[in-house]
Amino acid sequence: MKYLKQAVIIAAVTAAAEGIKYVVPLPVPASIYGLILLFGLLKSGVLRLEEVEDVGGLLLELMPLLLVPASVSFLTAADTIGEMLAPVLIMGFIGTAAVMAVTGRVAQAGIRRGKGDGKRG
């Protein structure tokens, strides 16, 4: 019963995110709205981590399995993608490196800021 309740909560957040996507006129995927909504609910205390932790962990464990169809469909389109493969790979590597660099810098700044205000964690 606990898993059913947690799954219903996650499904409700997902449904609300889909609704937000149609209301807000921005080109943002519903999954991003869902992440922001779930984060806000958790940080505000409206939702406790224990209320979604088990099913959330299960979904994270199943994520590689859920990505298999996308990988297979990519392989079936390899002939079509062949001529664009080099630019796509280059953009992928550059984009990944940029995201990693920015994330690292932001994390380092956050850690330094945390150490500077006397907080210990």
PDB file of N, CA and C in Angstrom:
ATOM      1  N   MET A   1       0.822  -1.196   0.000  1.00  0.00           N
ATOM      2  CA  MET A   1       0.000   0.000   0.000  1.00  0.00           C
ATOM      3  C   MET A   1       0.870   1.266   0.000  1.00  0.00           C
ATOM      4  N   LYS A   2       2.011   1.144   0.697  1.00  0.00           N
ATOM      5  CA  LYS A   2       2.925   2.285   0.760  1.00  0.00           C
ATOM      6  C   LYS A   2       3.420   2.653  -0.639  1.00  0.00           C
ATOM      7  N   TYR A   3       3.758   1.635  -1.431  1.00  0.00           N
ATOM      8  CA  TYR A   3       4.267   1.899  -2.778  1.00  0.00           C
ATOM      9  C   TYR A   3       3.191   2.509  -3.663  1.00  0.00           C
ATOM     10  N   LEU A   4       1.968   2.052  -3.504  1.00  0.00           N
ATOM     11  CA  LEU A   4       0.871   2.605  -4.290  1.00  0.00           C
ATOM     12  C   LEU A   4       0.677   4.086  -3.972  1.00  0.00           C
ATOM     13  N   LYS A   5       0.717   4.430  -2.682  1.00  0.00           N
ATOM     14  CA  LYS A   5       0.556   5.834  -2.280  1.00  0.00           C
ATOM     15  C   LYS A   5       1.684   6.689  -2.866  1.00  0.00           C
ATOM     16  N   GLN A   6       2.912   6.186  -2.794  1.00  0.00           N
ATOM     17  CA  GLN A   6       4.045   6.938  -3.327  1.00  0.00           C
ATOM     18  C   GLN A   6       3.937   7.097  -4.837  1.00  0.00           C
ATOM     19  N   ALA A   7       3.510   6.036  -5.520  1.00  0.00           N
ATOM     20  CA  ALA A   7       3.348   6.111  -6.972  1.00  0.00           C
ATOM     21  C   ALA A   7       2.262   7.109  -7.353  1.00  0.00           C
ATOM     22  N   VAL A   8       1.186   7.158  -6.576  1.00  0.00           N
ATOM     23  CA  VAL A   8       0.111   8.114  -6.848  1.00  0.00           C
ATOM     24  C   VAL A   8       0.612   9.544  -6.662  1.00  0.00           C
ATOM     25  N   ILE A   9       1.422   9.774  -5.633  1.00  0.00           N
ATOM     26  CA  ILE A   9       1.976  11.117  -5.402  1.00  0.00           C
ATOM     27  C   ILE A   9       2.853  11.535  -6.580  1.00  0.00           C
ATOM     28  N   ILE A  10       3.729  10.635  -7.018  1.00  0.00           N
ATOM     29  CA  ILE A  10       4.616  10.958  -8.140  1.00  0.00           C
ATOM     30  C   ILE A  10       3.799  11.170  -9.412  1.00  0.00           C
ATOM     31  N   ALA A  11       2.774  10.350  -9.616  1.00  0.00           N
ATOM     32  CA  ALA A  11       1.915  10.525 -10.791  1.00  0.00           C
ATOM     33  C   ALA A  11       1.162  11.856 -10.737  1.00  0.00           C
ATOM     34  N   ALA A  12       0.737  12.267  -9.536  1.00  0.00           N
ATOM     35  CA  ALA A  12       0.032  13.545  -9.393  1.00  0.00           C
ATOM     36  C   ALA A  12       0.963  14.717  -9.718  1.00  0.00           C
ATOM     37  N   VAL A  13       2.198  14.632  -9.265  1.00  0.00           N
ATOM     38  CA  VAL A  13       3.173  15.686  -9.574  1.00  0.00           C
ATOM     39  C   VAL A  13       3.426  15.726 -11.081  1.00  0.00           C
ATOM     40  N   THR A  14       3.517  14.554 -11.706  1.00  0.00           N
ATOM     41  CA  THR A  14       3.722  14.478 -13.149  1.00  0.00           C
ATOM     42  C   THR A  14       2.531  15.082 -13.900  1.00  0.00           C
ATOM     43  N   ALA A  15       1.324  14.761 -13.455  1.00  0.00           N
ATOM     44  CA  ALA A  15       0.114  15.311 -14.094  1.00  0.00           C
ATOM     45  C   ALA A  15       0.057  16.827 -13.926  1.00  0.00           C
ATOM     46  N   ALA A  16       0.402  17.308 -12.735  1.00  0.00           N
ATOM     47  CA  ALA A  16       0.417  18.752 -12.507  1.00  0.00           C
ATOM     48  C   ALA A  16       1.449  19.429 -13.411  1.00  0.00           C
ATOM     49  N   ALA A  17       2.593  18.781 -13.609  1.00  0.00           N
ATOM     50  CA  ALA A  17       3.629  19.333 -14.487  1.00  0.00           C
ATOM     51  C   ALA A  17       3.132  19.408 -15.923  1.00  0.00           C
ATOM     52  N   GLU A  18       2.395  18.398 -16.355  1.00  0.00           N
ATOM     53  CA  GLU A  18       1.815  18.431 -17.709  1.00  0.00           C
ATOM     54  C   GLU A  18       0.837  19.600 -17.833  1.00  0.00           C
ATOM     55  N   GLY A  19       0.058  19.833 -16.790  1.00  0.00           N
ATOM     56  CA  GLY A  19      -0.871  20.961 -16.797  1.00  0.00           C
ATOM     57  C   GLY A  19      -0.149  22.294 -16.848  1.00  0.00           C
ATOM     58  N   ILE A  20       0.925  22.404 -16.088  1.00  0.00           N
ATOM     59  CA  ILE A  20       1.716  23.639 -16.074  1.00  0.00           C
ATOM     60  C   ILE A  20       2.303  23.901 -17.462  1.00  0.00           C
ATOM     61  N   LYS A  21       2.727  22.820 -18.136  1.00  0.00           N
ATOM     62  CA  LYS A  21       3.313  22.962 -19.471  1.00  0.00           C
ATOM     63  C   LYS A  21       2.344  23.638 -20.439  1.00  0.00           C
ATOM     64  N   TYR A  22       1.073  23.314 -20.322  1.00  0.00           N
ATOM     65  CA  TYR A  22       0.087  23.896 -21.236  1.00  0.00           C
ATOM     66  C   TYR A  22      -0.333  25.302 -20.824  1.00  0.00           C
ATOM     67  N   VAL A  23      -0.112  25.666 -19.565  1.00  0.00           N
ATOM     68  CA  VAL A  23      -0.497  26.993 -19.079  1.00  0.00           C
ATOM     69  C   VAL A  23       0.629  28.005 -19.301  1.00  0.00           C
ATOM     70  N   VAL A  24       1.861  27.581 -19.048  1.00  0.00           N
ATOM     71  CA  VAL A  24       3.016  28.476 -19.162  1.00  0.00           C
ATOM     72  C   VAL A  24       3.526  28.446 -20.604  1.00  0.00           C
ATOM     73  N   PRO A  25       3.592  29.598 -21.270  1.00  0.00           N
ATOM     74  CA  PRO A  25       3.967  29.629 -22.693  1.00  0.00           C
ATOM     75  C   PRO A  25       5.482  29.638 -22.918  1.00  0.00           C
ATOM     76  N   LEU A  26       6.197  28.692 -22.319  1.00  0.00           N
ATOM     77  CA  LEU A  26       7.638  28.590 -22.509  1.00  0.00           C
ATOM     78  C   LEU A  26       7.963  27.245 -23.140  1.00  0.00           C
ATOM     79  N   PRO A  27       9.020  27.169 -23.929  1.00  0.00           N
ATOM     80  CA  PRO A  27       9.389  25.895 -24.549  1.00  0.00           C
ATOM     81  C   PRO A  27      10.181  25.006 -23.586  1.00  0.00           C
ATOM     82  N   VAL A  28       9.560  24.664 -22.469  1.00  0.00           N
ATOM     83  CA  VAL A  28      10.199  23.854 -21.436  1.00  0.00           C
ATOM     84  C   VAL A  28       9.443  22.535 -21.338  1.00  0.00           C
ATOM     85  N   PRO A  29      10.152  21.403 -21.309  1.00  0.00           N
ATOM     86  CA  PRO A  29       9.462  20.117 -21.199  1.00  0.00           C
ATOM     87  C   PRO A  29       8.738  19.982 -19.861  1.00  0.00           C
ATOM     88  N   ALA A  30       7.670  19.209 -19.861  1.00  0.00           N
ATOM     89  CA  ALA A  30       6.887  18.989 -18.645  1.00  0.00           C
ATOM     90  C   ALA A  30       7.735  18.322 -17.560  1.00  0.00           C
ATOM     91  N   SER A  31       8.713  17.514 -17.956  1.00  0.00           N
ATOM     92  CA  SER A  31       9.542  16.844 -16.955  1.00  0.00           C
ATOM     93  C   SER A  31      10.339  17.853 -16.125  1.00  0.00           C
ATOM     94  N   ILE A  32      10.749  18.948 -16.743  1.00  0.00           N
ATOM     95  CA  ILE A  32      11.481  19.981 -16.002  1.00  0.00           C
ATOM     96  C   ILE A  32      10.548  20.665 -15.010  1.00  0.00           C
ATOM     97  N   TYR A  33       9.328  20.963 -15.458  1.00  0.00           N
ATOM     98  CA  TYR A  33       8.348  21.529 -14.523  1.00  0.00           C
ATOM     99  C   TYR A  33       8.087  20.560 -13.374  1.00  0.00           C
ATOM    100  N   GLY A  34       8.037  19.281 -13.682  1.00  0.00           N
ATOM    101  CA  GLY A  34       7.824  18.280 -12.641  1.00  0.00           C
ATOM    102  C   GLY A  34       8.953  18.252 -11.629  1.00  0.00           C
ATOM    103  N   LEU A  35      10.193  18.333 -12.124  1.00  0.00           N
ATOM    104  CA  LEU A  35      11.342  18.360 -11.209  1.00  0.00           C
ATOM    105  C   LEU A  35      11.306  19.593 -10.310  1.00  0.00           C
ATOM    106  N   ILE A  36      10.993  20.726 -10.913  1.00  0.00           N
ATOM    107  CA  ILE A  36      10.924  21.968 -10.134  1.00  0.00           C
ATOM    108  C   ILE A  36       9.787  21.891  -9.114  1.00  0.00           C
ATOM    109  N   LEU A  37       8.648  21.370  -9.544  1.00  0.00           N
ATOM    110  CA  LEU A  37       7.499  21.243  -8.644  1.00  0.00           C
ATOM    111  C   LEU A  37       7.802  20.293  -7.493  1.00  0.00           C
ATOM    112  N   LEU A  38       8.379  19.141  -7.790  1.00  0.00           N
ATOM    113  CA  LEU A  38       8.716  18.178  -6.740  1.00  0.00           C
ATOM    114  C   LEU A  38       9.762  18.756  -5.795  1.00  0.00           C
ATOM    115  N   PHE A  39      10.757  19.434  -6.336  1.00  0.00           N
ATOM    116  CA  PHE A  39      11.778  20.076  -5.499  1.00  0.00           C
ATOM    117  C   PHE A  39      11.144  21.108  -4.573  1.00  0.00           C
ATOM    118  N   GLY A  40      10.259  21.931  -5.123  1.00  0.00           N
ATOM    119  CA  GLY A  40       9.583  22.939  -4.307  1.00  0.00           C
ATOM    120  C   GLY A  40       8.737  22.315  -3.201  1.00  0.00           C
ATOM    121  N   LEU A  41       8.035  21.243  -3.529  1.00  0.00           N
ATOM    122  CA  LEU A  41       7.223  20.565  -2.513  1.00  0.00           C
ATOM    123  C   LEU A  41       8.090  19.965  -1.416  1.00  0.00           C
ATOM    124  N   LEU A  42       9.220  19.397  -1.800  1.00  0.00           N
ATOM    125  CA  LEU A  42      10.114  18.804  -0.808  1.00  0.00           C
ATOM    126  C   LEU A  42      10.780  19.879   0.060  1.00  0.00           C
ATOM    127  N   LYS A  43      11.259  20.951  -0.570  1.00  0.00           N
ATOM    128  CA  LYS A  43      11.935  22.006   0.202  1.00  0.00           C
ATOM    129  C   LYS A  43      10.980  22.777   1.110  1.00  0.00           C
ATOM    130  N   SER A  44       9.724  22.932   0.673  1.00  0.00           N
ATOM    131  CA  SER A  44       8.763  23.674   1.488  1.00  0.00           C
ATOM    132  C   SER A  44       8.212  22.850   2.642  1.00  0.00           C
ATOM    133  N   GLY A  45       8.422  21.545   2.600  1.00  0.00           N
ATOM    134  CA  GLY A  45       7.921  20.696   3.662  1.00  0.00           C
ATOM    135  C   GLY A  45       6.504  20.188   3.426  1.00  0.00           C
ATOM    136  N   VAL A  46       5.880  20.595   2.322  1.00  0.00           N
ATOM    137  CA  VAL A  46       4.545  20.103   1.988  1.00  0.00           C
ATOM    138  C   VAL A  46       4.609  18.598   1.763  1.00  0.00           C
ATOM    139  N   LEU A  47       5.718  18.130   1.199  1.00  0.00           N
ATOM    140  CA  LEU A  47       5.931  16.716   0.921  1.00  0.00           C
ATOM    141  C   LEU A  47       7.232  16.302   1.595  1.00  0.00           C
ATOM    142  N   ARG A  48       7.191  15.206   2.324  1.00  0.00           N
ATOM    143  CA  ARG A  48       8.410  14.705   2.964  1.00  0.00           C
ATOM    144  C   ARG A  48       9.071  13.675   2.056  1.00  0.00           C
ATOM    145  N   LEU A  49      10.381  13.582   2.124  1.00  0.00           N
ATOM    146  CA  LEU A  49      11.130  12.660   1.278  1.00  0.00           C
ATOM    147  C   LEU A  49      10.645  11.225   1.473  1.00  0.00           C
ATOM    148  N   GLU A  50      10.310  10.865   2.687  1.00  0.00           N
ATOM    149  CA  GLU A  50       9.853   9.509   2.984  1.00  0.00           C
ATOM    150  C   GLU A  50       8.569   9.155   2.226  1.00  0.00           C
ATOM    151  N   GLU A  51       7.836  10.163   1.786  1.00  0.00           N
ATOM    152  CA  GLU A  51       6.573   9.928   1.100  1.00  0.00           C
ATOM    153  C   GLU A  51       6.756   9.544  -0.373  1.00  0.00           C
ATOM    154  N   VAL A  52       7.963   9.706  -0.906  1.00  0.00           N
ATOM    155  CA  VAL A  52       8.224   9.353  -2.306  1.00  0.00           C
ATOM    156  C   VAL A  52       9.551   8.624  -2.500  1.00  0.00           C
ATOM    157  N   GLU A  53      10.277   8.394  -1.425  1.00  0.00           N
ATOM    158  CA  GLU A  53      11.638   7.887  -1.523  1.00  0.00           C
ATOM    159  C   GLU A  53      11.725   6.482  -2.124  1.00  0.00           C
ATOM    160  N   ASP A  54      10.882   5.575  -1.693  1.00  0.00           N
ATOM    161  CA  ASP A  54      10.993   4.189  -2.151  1.00  0.00           C
ATOM    162  C   ASP A  54      10.678   4.047  -3.641  1.00  0.00           C
ATOM    163  N   VAL A  55       9.575   4.612  -4.080  1.00  0.00           N
ATOM    164  CA  VAL A  55       9.206   4.516  -5.498  1.00  0.00           C
ATOM    165  C   VAL A  55      10.171   5.336  -6.345  1.00  0.00           C
ATOM    166  N   GLY A  56      10.622   6.480  -5.845  1.00  0.00           N
ATOM    167  CA  GLY A  56      11.609   7.271  -6.570  1.00  0.00           C
ATOM    168  C   GLY A  56      12.898   6.486  -6.777  1.00  0.00           C
ATOM    169  N   GLY A  57      13.343   5.787  -5.744  1.00  0.00           N
ATOM    170  CA  GLY A  57      14.537   4.945  -5.863  1.00  0.00           C
ATOM    171  C   GLY A  57      14.343   3.819  -6.863  1.00  0.00           C
ATOM    172  N   LEU A  58      13.161   3.215  -6.831  1.00  0.00           N
ATOM    173  CA  LEU A  58      12.846   2.154  -7.789  1.00  0.00           C
ATOM    174  C   LEU A  58      12.873   2.684  -9.222  1.00  0.00           C
ATOM    175  N   LEU A  59      12.289   3.851  -9.444  1.00  0.00           N
ATOM    176  CA  LEU A  59      12.296   4.440 -10.785  1.00  0.00           C
ATOM    177  C   LEU A  59      13.717   4.753 -11.250  1.00  0.00           C
ATOM    178  N   LEU A  60      14.569   5.195 -10.332  1.00  0.00           N
ATOM    179  CA  LEU A  60      15.968   5.456 -10.699  1.00  0.00           C
ATOM    180  C   LEU A  60      16.686   4.164 -11.074  1.00  0.00           C
ATOM    181  N   GLU A  61      16.375   3.062 -10.358  1.00  0.00           N
ATOM    182  CA  GLU A  61      16.991   1.782 -10.685  1.00  0.00           C
ATOM    183  C   GLU A  61      16.519   1.265 -12.038  1.00  0.00           C
ATOM    184  N   LEU A  62      15.284   1.566 -12.401  1.00  0.00           N
ATOM    185  CA  LEU A  62      14.721   1.091 -13.666  1.00  0.00           C
ATOM    186  C   LEU A  62      15.051   1.996 -14.849  1.00  0.00           C
ATOM    187  N   MET A  63      15.651   3.154 -14.591  1.00  0.00           N
ATOM    188  CA  MET A  63      15.895   4.122 -15.659  1.00  0.00           C
ATOM    189  C   MET A  63      16.684   3.542 -16.832  1.00  0.00           C
ATOM    190  N   PRO A  64      17.766   2.788 -16.603  1.00  0.00           N
ATOM    191  CA  PRO A  64      18.472   2.236 -17.769  1.00  0.00           C
ATOM    192  C   PRO A  64      17.570   1.347 -18.636  1.00  0.00           C
ATOM    193  N   LEU A  65      16.713   0.576 -18.010  1.00  0.00           N
ATOM    194  CA  LEU A  65      15.796  -0.279 -18.758  1.00  0.00           C
ATOM    195  C   LEU A  65      14.799   0.558 -19.560  1.00  0.00           C
ATOM    196  N   LEU A  66      14.375   1.676 -18.992  1.00  0.00           N
ATOM    197  CA  LEU A  66      13.424   2.533 -19.691  1.00  0.00           C
ATOM    198  C   LEU A  66      14.068   3.263 -20.873  1.00  0.00           C
ATOM    199  N   LEU A  67      15.385   3.392 -20.861  1.00  0.00           N
ATOM    200  CA  LEU A  67      16.081   4.077 -21.946  1.00  0.00           C
ATOM    201  C   LEU A  67      16.459   3.154 -23.096  1.00  0.00           C
ATOM    202  N   VAL A  68      16.285   1.843 -22.921  1.00  0.00           N
ATOM    203  CA  VAL A  68      16.643   0.892 -23.973  1.00  0.00           C
ATOM    204  C   VAL A  68      15.867   1.154 -25.264  1.00  0.00           C
ATOM    205  N   PRO A  69      14.542   1.379 -25.232  1.00  0.00           N
ATOM    206  CA  PRO A  69      13.844   1.632 -26.505  1.00  0.00           C
ATOM    207  C   PRO A  69      14.383   2.839 -27.263  1.00  0.00           C
ATOM    208  N   ALA A  70      14.756   3.886 -26.563  1.00  0.00           N
ATOM    209  CA  ALA A  70      15.319   5.058 -27.237  1.00  0.00           C
ATOM    210  C   ALA A  70      16.655   4.715 -27.892  1.00  0.00           C
ATOM    211  N   SER A  71      17.457   3.910 -27.213  1.00  0.00           N
ATOM    212  CA  SER A  71      18.749   3.501 -27.780  1.00  0.00           C
ATOM    213  C   SER A  71      18.551   2.639 -29.014  1.00  0.00           C
ATOM    214  N   VAL A  72      17.589   1.729 -28.957  1.00  0.00           N
ATOM    215  CA  VAL A  72      17.326   0.851 -30.094  1.00  0.00           C
ATOM    216  C   VAL A  72      16.819   1.659 -31.281  1.00  0.00           C
ATOM    217  N   SER A  73      15.917   2.602 -31.024  1.00  0.00           N
ATOM    218  CA  SER A  73      15.405   3.409 -32.136  1.00  0.00           C
ATOM    219  C   SER A  73      16.512   4.270 -32.736  1.00  0.00           C
ATOM    220  N   PHE A  74      17.462   4.681 -31.926  1.00  0.00           N
ATOM    221  CA  PHE A  74      18.609   5.426 -32.451  1.00  0.00           C
ATOM    222  C   PHE A  74      19.427   4.543 -33.389  1.00  0.00           C
ATOM    223  N   LEU A  75      19.613   3.285 -32.993  1.00  0.00           N
ATOM    224  CA  LEU A  75      20.390   2.375 -33.832  1.00  0.00           C
ATOM    225  C   LEU A  75      19.684   2.064 -35.144  1.00  0.00           C
ATOM    226  N   THR A  76      18.362   2.007 -35.119  1.00  0.00           N
ATOM    227  CA  THR A  76      17.634   1.733 -36.365  1.00  0.00           C
ATOM    228  C   THR A  76      17.709   2.911 -37.322  1.00  0.00           C
ATOM    229  N   ALA A  77      17.974   4.087 -36.817  1.00  0.00           N
ATOM    230  CA  ALA A  77      18.080   5.272 -37.664  1.00  0.00           C
ATOM    231  C   ALA A  77      19.539   5.630 -37.959  1.00  0.00           C
ATOM    232  N   ALA A  78      20.445   4.709 -37.695  1.00  0.00           N
ATOM    233  CA  ALA A  78      21.876   4.988 -37.854  1.00  0.00           C
ATOM    234  C   ALA A  78      22.231   5.380 -39.285  1.00  0.00           C
ATOM    235  N   ASP A  79      21.590   4.756 -40.281  1.00  0.00           N
ATOM    236  CA  ASP A  79      21.886   5.103 -41.673  1.00  0.00           C
ATOM    237  C   ASP A  79      21.538   6.557 -41.970  1.00  0.00           C
ATOM    238  N   THR A  80      20.393   6.979 -41.449  1.00  0.00           N
ATOM    239  CA  THR A  80      19.955   8.354 -41.671  1.00  0.00           C
ATOM    240  C   THR A  80      20.861   9.330 -40.926  1.00  0.00           C
ATOM    241  N   ILE A  81      21.288   8.941 -39.766  1.00  0.00           N
ATOM    242  CA  ILE A  81      22.092   9.819 -38.928  1.00  0.00           C
ATOM    243  C   ILE A  81      23.562   9.809 -39.344  1.00  0.00           C
ATOM    244  N   GLY A  82      23.971   8.795 -40.113  1.00  0.00           N
ATOM    245  CA  GLY A  82      25.374   8.606 -40.479  1.00  0.00           C
ATOM    246  C   GLY A  82      26.072   9.849 -40.990  1.00  0.00           C
ATOM    247  N   GLU A  83      25.425  10.582 -41.878  1.00  0.00           N
ATOM    248  CA  GLU A  83      26.060  11.773 -42.448  1.00  0.00           C
ATOM    249  C   GLU A  83      26.160  12.917 -41.452  1.00  0.00           C
ATOM    250  N   MET A  84      25.343  12.877 -40.399  1.00  0.00           N
ATOM    251  CA  MET A  84      25.379  13.931 -39.379  1.00  0.00           C
ATOM    252  C   MET A  84      26.114  13.481 -38.121  1.00  0.00           C
ATOM    253  N   LEU A  85      26.651  12.272 -38.123  1.00  0.00           N
ATOM    254  CA  LEU A  85      27.215  11.691 -36.908  1.00  0.00           C
ATOM    255  C   LEU A  85      28.371  12.517 -36.335  1.00  0.00           C
ATOM    256  N   ALA A  86      29.309  12.922 -37.168  1.00  0.00           N
ATOM    257  CA  ALA A  86      30.463  13.682 -36.669  1.00  0.00           C
ATOM    258  C   ALA A  86      30.035  15.000 -36.022  1.00  0.00           C
ATOM    259  N   PRO A  87      29.212  15.833 -36.683  1.00  0.00           N
ATOM    260  CA  PRO A  87      28.799  17.073 -36.015  1.00  0.00           C
ATOM    261  C   PRO A  87      28.005  16.828 -34.730  1.00  0.00           C
ATOM    262  N   VAL A  88      27.171  15.785 -34.737  1.00  0.00           N
ATOM    263  CA  VAL A  88      26.381  15.487 -33.538  1.00  0.00           C
ATOM    264  C   VAL A  88      27.287  15.067 -32.392  1.00  0.00           C
ATOM    265  N   LEU A  89      28.254  14.216 -32.676  1.00  0.00           N
ATOM    266  CA  LEU A  89      29.188  13.796 -31.626  1.00  0.00           C
ATOM    267  C   LEU A  89      30.010  14.972 -31.100  1.00  0.00           C
ATOM    268  N   ILE A  90      30.490  15.822 -32.013  1.00  0.00           N
ATOM    269  CA  ILE A  90      31.265  16.985 -31.582  1.00  0.00           C
ATOM    270  C   ILE A  90      30.422  17.899 -30.701  1.00  0.00           C
ATOM    271  N   MET A  91      29.198  18.177 -31.141  1.00  0.00           N
ATOM    272  CA  MET A  91      28.308  19.018 -30.319  1.00  0.00           C
ATOM    273  C   MET A  91      28.011  18.355 -28.978  1.00  0.00           C
ATOM    274  N   GLY A  92      27.840  17.032 -29.005  1.00  0.00           N
ATOM    275  CA  GLY A  92      27.574  16.315 -27.755  1.00  0.00           C
ATOM    276  C   GLY A  92      28.727  16.419 -26.774  1.00  0.00           C
ATOM    277  N   PHE A  93      29.943  16.226 -27.268  1.00  0.00           N
ATOM    278  CA  PHE A  93      31.113  16.328 -26.397  1.00  0.00           C
ATOM    279  C   PHE A  93      31.322  17.751 -25.892  1.00  0.00           C
ATOM    280  N   ILE A  94      31.183  18.721 -26.768  1.00  0.00           N
ATOM    281  CA  ILE A  94      31.350  20.123 -26.354  1.00  0.00           C
ATOM    282  C   ILE A  94      30.268  20.508 -25.345  1.00  0.00           C
ATOM    283  N   GLY A  95      29.041  20.127 -25.627  1.00  0.00           N
ATOM    284  CA  GLY A  95      27.942  20.440 -24.709  1.00  0.00           C
ATOM    285  C   GLY A  95      28.124  19.776 -23.353  1.00  0.00           C
ATOM    286  N   THR A  96      28.532  18.511 -23.371  1.00  0.00           N
ATOM    287  CA  THR A  96      28.761  17.803 -22.112  1.00  0.00           C
ATOM    288  C   THR A  96      29.896  18.444 -21.325  1.00  0.00           C
ATOM    289  N   ALA A  97      30.975  18.785 -21.996  1.00  0.00           N
ATOM    290  CA  ALA A  97      32.104  19.432 -21.315  1.00  0.00           C
ATOM    291  C   ALA A  97      31.687  20.779 -20.738  1.00  0.00           C
ATOM    292  N   ALA A  98      30.897  21.541 -21.480  1.00  0.00           N
ATOM    293  CA  ALA A  98      30.443  22.844 -20.985  1.00  0.00           C
ATOM    294  C   ALA A  98      29.550  22.681 -19.763  1.00  0.00           C
ATOM    295  N   VAL A  99      28.642  21.733 -19.807  1.00  0.00           N
ATOM    296  CA  VAL A  99      27.757  21.501 -18.662  1.00  0.00           C
ATOM    297  C   VAL A  99      28.570  21.057 -17.448  1.00  0.00           C
ATOM    298  N   MET A 100      29.524  20.169 -17.662  1.00  0.00           N
ATOM    299  CA  MET A 100      30.351  19.712 -16.543  1.00  0.00           C
ATOM    300  C   MET A 100      31.167  20.858 -15.955  1.00  0.00           C
ATOM    301  N   ALA A 101      31.729  21.711 -16.808  1.00  0.00           N
ATOM    302  CA  ALA A 101      32.541  22.832 -16.332  1.00  0.00           C
ATOM    303  C   ALA A 101      31.692  23.821 -15.542  1.00  0.00           C
ATOM    304  N   VAL A 102      30.533  24.169 -16.071  1.00  0.00           N
ATOM    305  CA  VAL A 102      29.665  25.126 -15.375  1.00  0.00           C
ATOM    306  C   VAL A 102      29.169  24.536 -14.059  1.00  0.00           C
ATOM    307  N   THR A 103      28.763  23.277 -14.083  1.00  0.00           N
ATOM    308  CA  THR A 103      28.288  22.630 -12.858  1.00  0.00           C
ATOM    309  C   THR A 103      29.393  22.574 -11.815  1.00  0.00           C
ATOM    310  N   GLY A 104      30.603  22.240 -12.242  1.00  0.00           N
ATOM    311  CA  GLY A 104      31.733  22.200 -11.312  1.00  0.00           C
ATOM    312  C   GLY A 104      32.025  23.563 -10.700  1.00  0.00           C
ATOM    313  N   ARG A 105      32.009  24.589 -11.530  1.00  0.00           N
ATOM    314  CA  ARG A 105      32.258  25.947 -11.033  1.00  0.00           C
ATOM    315  C   ARG A 105      31.186  26.380 -10.038  1.00  0.00           C
ATOM    316  N   VAL A 106      29.942  26.112 -10.369  1.00  0.00           N
ATOM    317  CA  VAL A 106      28.848  26.492  -9.471  1.00  0.00           C
ATOM    318  C   VAL A 106      28.947  25.725  -8.158  1.00  0.00           C
ATOM    319  N   ALA A 107      29.258  24.437  -8.233  1.00  0.00           N
ATOM    320  CA  ALA A 107      29.398  23.637  -7.018  1.00  0.00           C
ATOM    321  C   ALA A 107      30.552  24.146  -6.162  1.00  0.00           C
ATOM    322  N   GLN A 108      31.680  24.458  -6.800  1.00  0.00           N
ATOM    323  CA  GLN A 108      32.822  24.982  -6.055  1.00  0.00           C
ATOM    324  C   GLN A 108      32.484  26.317  -5.402  1.00  0.00           C
ATOM    325  N   ALA A 109      31.785  27.170  -6.116  1.00  0.00           N
ATOM    326  CA  ALA A 109      31.400  28.465  -5.544  1.00  0.00           C
ATOM    327  C   ALA A 109      30.456  28.256  -4.361  1.00  0.00           C
ATOM    328  N   GLY A 110      29.544  27.318  -4.486  1.00  0.00           N
ATOM    329  CA  GLY A 110      28.628  27.029  -3.381  1.00  0.00           C
ATOM    330  C   GLY A 110      29.349  26.479  -2.171  1.00  0.00           C
ATOM    331  N   ILE A 111      30.331  25.614  -2.401  1.00  0.00           N
ATOM    332  CA  ILE A 111      31.106  25.051  -1.286  1.00  0.00           C
ATOM    333  C   ILE A 111      31.926  26.137  -0.609  1.00  0.00           C
ATOM    334  N   ARG A 112      32.579  26.978  -1.403  1.00  0.00           N
ATOM    335  CA  ARG A 112      33.368  28.071  -0.821  1.00  0.00           C
ATOM    336  C   ARG A 112      32.477  29.032  -0.040  1.00  0.00           C
ATOM    337  N   ARG A 113      31.322  29.327  -0.593  1.00  0.00           N
ATOM    338  CA  ARG A 113      30.386  30.237   0.081  1.00  0.00           C
ATOM    339  C   ARG A 113      29.907  29.636   1.390  1.00  0.00           C
ATOM    340  N   GLY A 114      29.666  28.323   1.395  1.00  0.00           N
ATOM    341  CA  GLY A 114      29.241  27.637   2.611  1.00  0.00           C
ATOM    342  C   GLY A 114      30.305  27.633   3.685  1.00  0.00           C
ATOM    343  N   LYS A 115      31.568  27.495   3.282  1.00  0.00           N
ATOM    344  CA  LYS A 115      32.673  27.509   4.241  1.00  0.00           C
ATOM    345  C   LYS A 115      32.917  28.905   4.782  1.00  0.00           C
ATOM    346  N   GLY A 116      32.638  29.920   3.977  1.00  0.00           N
ATOM    347  CA  GLY A 116      32.910  31.296   4.361  1.00  0.00           C
ATOM    348  C   GLY A 116      31.943  31.858   5.388  1.00  0.00           C
ATOM    349  N   ASP A 117      30.709  31.317   5.488  1.00  0.00           N
ATOM    350  CA  ASP A 117      29.756  31.899   6.416  1.00  0.00           C
ATOM    351  C   ASP A 117      29.716  31.191   7.760  1.00  0.00           C
ATOM    352  N   GLY A 118      30.689  30.298   8.013  1.00  0.00           N
ATOM    353  CA  GLY A 118      30.792  29.664   9.317  1.00  0.00           C
ATOM    354  C   GLY A 118      29.914  28.446   9.504  1.00  0.00           C
ATOM    355  N   LYS A 119      29.195  28.039   8.482  1.00  0.00           N
ATOM    356  CA  LYS A 119      28.364  26.846   8.594  1.00  0.00           C
ATOM    357  C   LYS A 119      29.209  25.611   8.401  1.00  0.00           C
ATOM    358  N   ARG A 120      28.844  24.567   9.081  1.00  0.00           N
ATOM    359  CA  ARG A 120      29.524  23.291   8.909  1.00  0.00           C
ATOM    360  C   ARG A 120      28.491  22.253   8.540  1.00  0.00           C
ATOM    361  N   GLY A 121      28.807  21.374   7.624  1.00  0.00           N
ATOM    362  CA  GLY A 121      27.837  20.394   7.191  1.00  0.00           C
ATOM    363  C   GLY A 121      28.488  19.136   6.972  1.00  0.00           C
TER     364      GLY A 121
END
